[in-house]
Amino acid sequence: MPVSSKKARGVTDAVISLFKPIVNLVKTITFDNGKEFAFHEEIARDINCDTYFAKPYHSWERGQNENANGLLRQYFPKSMELIDVTKEQVFDAVDKLNSRPRKCLGFKTPYEVFEELTGINKEKLTGCALIT
């Protein structure tokens, strides 16, 4: 979910909002060490999960996040100013990625597998990055 800045309050509210529809499925969240995660304890409390921080310069400790960032860069290259990206553009890119069949999922889409496992369909997941 796009936020207007990397300030801790906005990021905290966005993370909580993003996970609310699937709160019962979230067990842990691993953050990087940015100041925007200063309210990690509030996230842990509201989502009822454990939170961790990756070691500096250990991007492999957040493998899913790094993979998702790489896939999103197909739509939003590093050279692009993200300030001009709309929420609709982000949701569209995430929807396209979640609709793409994956070999690791037996050529099913992340949406299909998530619905099979949880019974939650993609309409309830607007903006959630299930990207695998």
C-alpha atoms as a PDB file:
ATOM      1  CA  MET A   1       0.000   0.000   0.000  1.00  0.00           C
ATOM      2  CA  PRO A   2       1.506   3.338  -1.004  1.00  0.00           C
ATOM      3  CA  VAL A   3       2.223   5.846   1.750  1.00  0.00           C
ATOM      4  CA  SER A   4       2.914   9.544   1.318  1.00  0.00           C
ATOM      5  CA  SER A   5       6.207   9.399   3.231  1.00  0.00           C
ATOM      6  CA  LYS A   6       8.498   7.038   5.106  1.00  0.00           C
ATOM      7  CA  LYS A   7       7.515   8.494   8.463  1.00  0.00           C
ATOM      8  CA  ALA A   8       6.882   5.865  11.124  1.00  0.00           C
ATOM      9  CA  ARG A   9       3.252   6.800  11.802  1.00  0.00           C
ATOM     10  CA  GLY A  10       2.137   6.476   8.178  1.00  0.00           C
ATOM     11  CA  VAL A  11       4.059   3.251   7.616  1.00  0.00           C
ATOM     12  CA  THR A  12       2.684   1.727  10.829  1.00  0.00           C
ATOM     13  CA  ASP A  13      -0.898   2.601   9.902  1.00  0.00           C
ATOM     14  CA  ALA A  14      -0.411   1.216   6.369  1.00  0.00           C
ATOM     15  CA  VAL A  15       1.100  -2.073   7.609  1.00  0.00           C
ATOM     16  CA  ILE A  16      -1.716  -2.600  10.107  1.00  0.00           C
ATOM     17  CA  SER A  17      -4.352  -1.755   7.484  1.00  0.00           C
ATOM     18  CA  LEU A  18      -2.763  -4.083   4.945  1.00  0.00           C
ATOM     19  CA  PHE A  19      -2.656  -7.057   7.291  1.00  0.00           C
ATOM     20  CA  LYS A  20      -6.072  -6.589   8.952  1.00  0.00           C
ATOM     21  CA  PRO A  21      -7.979  -8.750   6.401  1.00  0.00           C
ATOM     22  CA  ILE A  22      -5.591 -11.660   7.006  1.00  0.00           C
ATOM     23  CA  VAL A  23      -4.574 -10.973  10.609  1.00  0.00           C
ATOM     24  CA  ASN A  24      -5.245 -14.560  11.683  1.00  0.00           C
ATOM     25  CA  LEU A  25      -2.694 -15.812   9.131  1.00  0.00           C
ATOM     26  CA  VAL A  26       0.204 -13.534  10.086  1.00  0.00           C
ATOM     27  CA  LYS A  27       2.649 -15.172  12.488  1.00  0.00           C
ATOM     28  CA  THR A  28       5.803 -13.084  12.014  1.00  0.00           C
ATOM     29  CA  ILE A  29       6.987  -9.966  10.204  1.00  0.00           C
ATOM     30  CA  THR A  30      10.644  -9.216   9.520  1.00  0.00           C
ATOM     31  CA  PHE A  31      11.552  -5.564   8.993  1.00  0.00           C
ATOM     32  CA  ASP A  32      14.666  -3.913   7.725  1.00  0.00           C
ATOM     33  CA  ASN A  33      16.314  -1.386  10.024  1.00  0.00           C
ATOM     34  CA  GLY A  34      14.717   1.802   8.762  1.00  0.00           C
ATOM     35  CA  LYS A  35      13.341   4.469  11.094  1.00  0.00           C
ATOM     36  CA  GLU A  36       9.919   3.963   9.490  1.00  0.00           C
ATOM     37  CA  PHE A  37       9.533   0.804  11.605  1.00  0.00           C
ATOM     38  CA  ALA A  38      10.009   2.611  14.916  1.00  0.00           C
ATOM     39  CA  PHE A  39       6.468   1.601  15.981  1.00  0.00           C
ATOM     40  CA  HIS A  40       7.071  -2.109  15.356  1.00  0.00           C
ATOM     41  CA  GLU A  41       5.734  -2.933  18.813  1.00  0.00           C
ATOM     42  CA  GLU A  42       2.376  -1.367  17.896  1.00  0.00           C
ATOM     43  CA  ILE A  43       2.264  -3.459  14.720  1.00  0.00           C
ATOM     44  CA  ALA A  44       3.081  -6.608  16.698  1.00  0.00           C
ATOM     45  CA  ARG A  45       0.353  -5.823  19.225  1.00  0.00           C
ATOM     46  CA  ASP A  46      -2.359  -4.906  16.692  1.00  0.00           C
ATOM     47  CA  ILE A  47      -1.611  -7.806  14.344  1.00  0.00           C
ATOM     48  CA  ASN A  48      -0.802 -10.192  17.230  1.00  0.00           C
ATOM     49  CA  CYS A  49       2.418 -11.458  15.698  1.00  0.00           C
ATOM     50  CA  ASP A  50       6.113 -11.584  16.450  1.00  0.00           C
ATOM     51  CA  THR A  51       8.346  -9.027  14.758  1.00  0.00           C
ATOM     52  CA  TYR A  52      12.004  -9.277  13.894  1.00  0.00           C
ATOM     53  CA  PHE A  53      14.668  -7.090  12.335  1.00  0.00           C
ATOM     54  CA  ALA A  54      17.077  -8.298   9.670  1.00  0.00           C
ATOM     55  CA  LYS A  55      20.743  -7.665  10.304  1.00  0.00           C
ATOM     56  CA  PRO A  56      22.127  -4.706   8.357  1.00  0.00           C
ATOM     57  CA  TYR A  57      23.271  -5.695   4.855  1.00  0.00           C
ATOM     58  CA  HIS A  58      21.698  -9.170   5.197  1.00  0.00           C
ATOM     59  CA  SER A  59      19.027  -8.828   2.520  1.00  0.00           C
ATOM     60  CA  TRP A  60      18.698 -12.624   2.295  1.00  0.00           C
ATOM     61  CA  GLU A  61      17.021 -12.542   5.710  1.00  0.00           C
ATOM     62  CA  ARG A  62      14.095 -10.877   3.963  1.00  0.00           C
ATOM     63  CA  GLY A  63      14.111 -13.052   0.840  1.00  0.00           C
ATOM     64  CA  GLN A  64      10.408 -12.752   0.028  1.00  0.00           C
ATOM     65  CA  ASN A  65      10.591  -8.982   0.343  1.00  0.00           C
ATOM     66  CA  GLU A  66      13.648  -8.747  -1.899  1.00  0.00           C
ATOM     67  CA  ASN A  67      12.007 -11.002  -4.490  1.00  0.00           C
ATOM     68  CA  ALA A  68       8.826  -8.897  -4.448  1.00  0.00           C
ATOM     69  CA  ASN A  69      10.856  -5.694  -4.816  1.00  0.00           C
ATOM     70  CA  GLY A  70      12.588  -7.152  -7.862  1.00  0.00           C
ATOM     71  CA  LEU A  71       9.291  -8.140  -9.456  1.00  0.00           C
ATOM     72  CA  LEU A  72       7.758  -4.728  -8.746  1.00  0.00           C
ATOM     73  CA  ARG A  73      10.758  -3.080 -10.416  1.00  0.00           C
ATOM     74  CA  GLN A  74       9.396  -4.469 -13.714  1.00  0.00           C
ATOM     75  CA  TYR A  75       6.644  -1.872 -13.334  1.00  0.00           C
ATOM     76  CA  PHE A  76       8.509   0.790 -11.382  1.00  0.00           C
ATOM     77  CA  PRO A  77      12.196   0.909 -12.428  1.00  0.00           C
ATOM     78  CA  LYS A  78      14.758   2.261  -9.955  1.00  0.00           C
ATOM     79  CA  SER A  79      15.195   5.314 -12.169  1.00  0.00           C
ATOM     80  CA  MET A  80      11.495   6.187 -11.728  1.00  0.00           C
ATOM     81  CA  GLU A  81      10.398   8.776  -9.164  1.00  0.00           C
ATOM     82  CA  LEU A  82       7.960   6.874  -6.921  1.00  0.00           C
ATOM     83  CA  ILE A  83       6.401  10.117  -5.712  1.00  0.00           C
ATOM     84  CA  ASP A  84       4.433  10.226  -8.973  1.00  0.00           C
ATOM     85  CA  VAL A  85       3.115   6.654  -8.740  1.00  0.00           C
ATOM     86  CA  THR A  86      -0.594   6.419  -7.896  1.00  0.00           C
ATOM     87  CA  LYS A  87      -2.220   3.918  -5.564  1.00  0.00           C
ATOM     88  CA  GLU A  88      -4.104   2.539  -8.581  1.00  0.00           C
ATOM     89  CA  GLN A  89      -0.822   1.901 -10.425  1.00  0.00           C
ATOM     90  CA  VAL A  90       0.582   0.021  -7.427  1.00  0.00           C
ATOM     91  CA  PHE A  91      -2.587  -2.061  -7.002  1.00  0.00           C
ATOM     92  CA  ASP A  92      -2.607  -2.822 -10.747  1.00  0.00           C
ATOM     93  CA  ALA A  93       1.027  -3.993 -10.690  1.00  0.00           C
ATOM     94  CA  VAL A  94       0.446  -6.145  -7.585  1.00  0.00           C
ATOM     95  CA  ASP A  95      -2.701  -7.624  -9.142  1.00  0.00           C
ATOM     96  CA  LYS A  96      -0.793  -8.507 -12.328  1.00  0.00           C
ATOM     97  CA  LEU A  97       1.996 -10.157 -10.333  1.00  0.00           C
ATOM     98  CA  ASN A  98      -0.443 -12.091  -8.137  1.00  0.00           C
ATOM     99  CA  SER A  99      -2.281 -13.240 -11.294  1.00  0.00           C
ATOM    100  CA  ARG A 100       0.910 -14.608 -12.893  1.00  0.00           C
ATOM    101  CA  PRO A 101       1.247 -18.415 -12.664  1.00  0.00           C
ATOM    102  CA  ARG A 102       4.371 -19.604 -10.824  1.00  0.00           C
ATOM    103  CA  LYS A 103       6.333 -22.786 -11.373  1.00  0.00           C
ATOM    104  CA  CYS A 104       6.936 -23.065  -7.602  1.00  0.00           C
ATOM    105  CA  LEU A 105       3.151 -23.120  -7.106  1.00  0.00           C
ATOM    106  CA  GLY A 106       2.513 -25.856  -9.662  1.00  0.00           C
ATOM    107  CA  PHE A 107       1.720 -23.188 -12.263  1.00  0.00           C
ATOM    108  CA  LYS A 108      -1.092 -21.769 -10.167  1.00  0.00           C
ATOM    109  CA  THR A 109      -1.251 -18.084  -9.351  1.00  0.00           C
ATOM    110  CA  PRO A 110      -0.549 -16.725  -5.856  1.00  0.00           C
ATOM    111  CA  TYR A 111      -4.224 -15.701  -5.739  1.00  0.00           C
ATOM    112  CA  GLU A 112      -5.366 -19.263  -6.500  1.00  0.00           C
ATOM    113  CA  VAL A 113      -3.100 -20.883  -3.922  1.00  0.00           C
ATOM    114  CA  PHE A 114      -3.956 -18.332  -1.243  1.00  0.00           C
ATOM    115  CA  GLU A 115      -7.687 -18.890  -1.794  1.00  0.00           C
ATOM    116  CA  GLU A 116      -7.241 -22.683  -1.694  1.00  0.00           C
ATOM    117  CA  LEU A 117      -5.366 -22.441   1.609  1.00  0.00           C
ATOM    118  CA  THR A 118      -7.483 -19.793   3.322  1.00  0.00           C
ATOM    119  CA  GLY A 119     -10.831 -19.521   1.553  1.00  0.00           C
ATOM    120  CA  ILE A 120     -10.157 -15.787   1.093  1.00  0.00           C
ATOM    121  CA  ASN A 121     -10.638 -14.604  -2.477  1.00  0.00           C
ATOM    122  CA  LYS A 122      -8.673 -11.879  -4.209  1.00  0.00           C
ATOM    123  CA  GLU A 123     -11.385  -9.220  -3.832  1.00  0.00           C
ATOM    124  CA  LYS A 124     -10.650  -9.139  -0.092  1.00  0.00           C
ATOM    125  CA  LEU A 125      -6.921  -8.764  -0.732  1.00  0.00           C
ATOM    126  CA  THR A 126      -6.795  -5.486  -2.632  1.00  0.00           C
ATOM    127  CA  GLY A 127      -3.248  -4.218  -2.398  1.00  0.00           C
ATOM    128  CA  CYS A 128      -1.818  -7.245  -0.616  1.00  0.00           C
ATOM    129  CA  ALA A 129       1.411  -8.483  -2.122  1.00  0.00           C
ATOM    130  CA  LEU A 130       1.164 -12.273  -2.201  1.00  0.00           C
ATOM    131  CA  ILE A 131       3.964 -12.263  -4.731  1.00  0.00           C
ATOM    132  CA  THR A 132       6.044 -15.440  -4.419  1.00  0.00           C
END
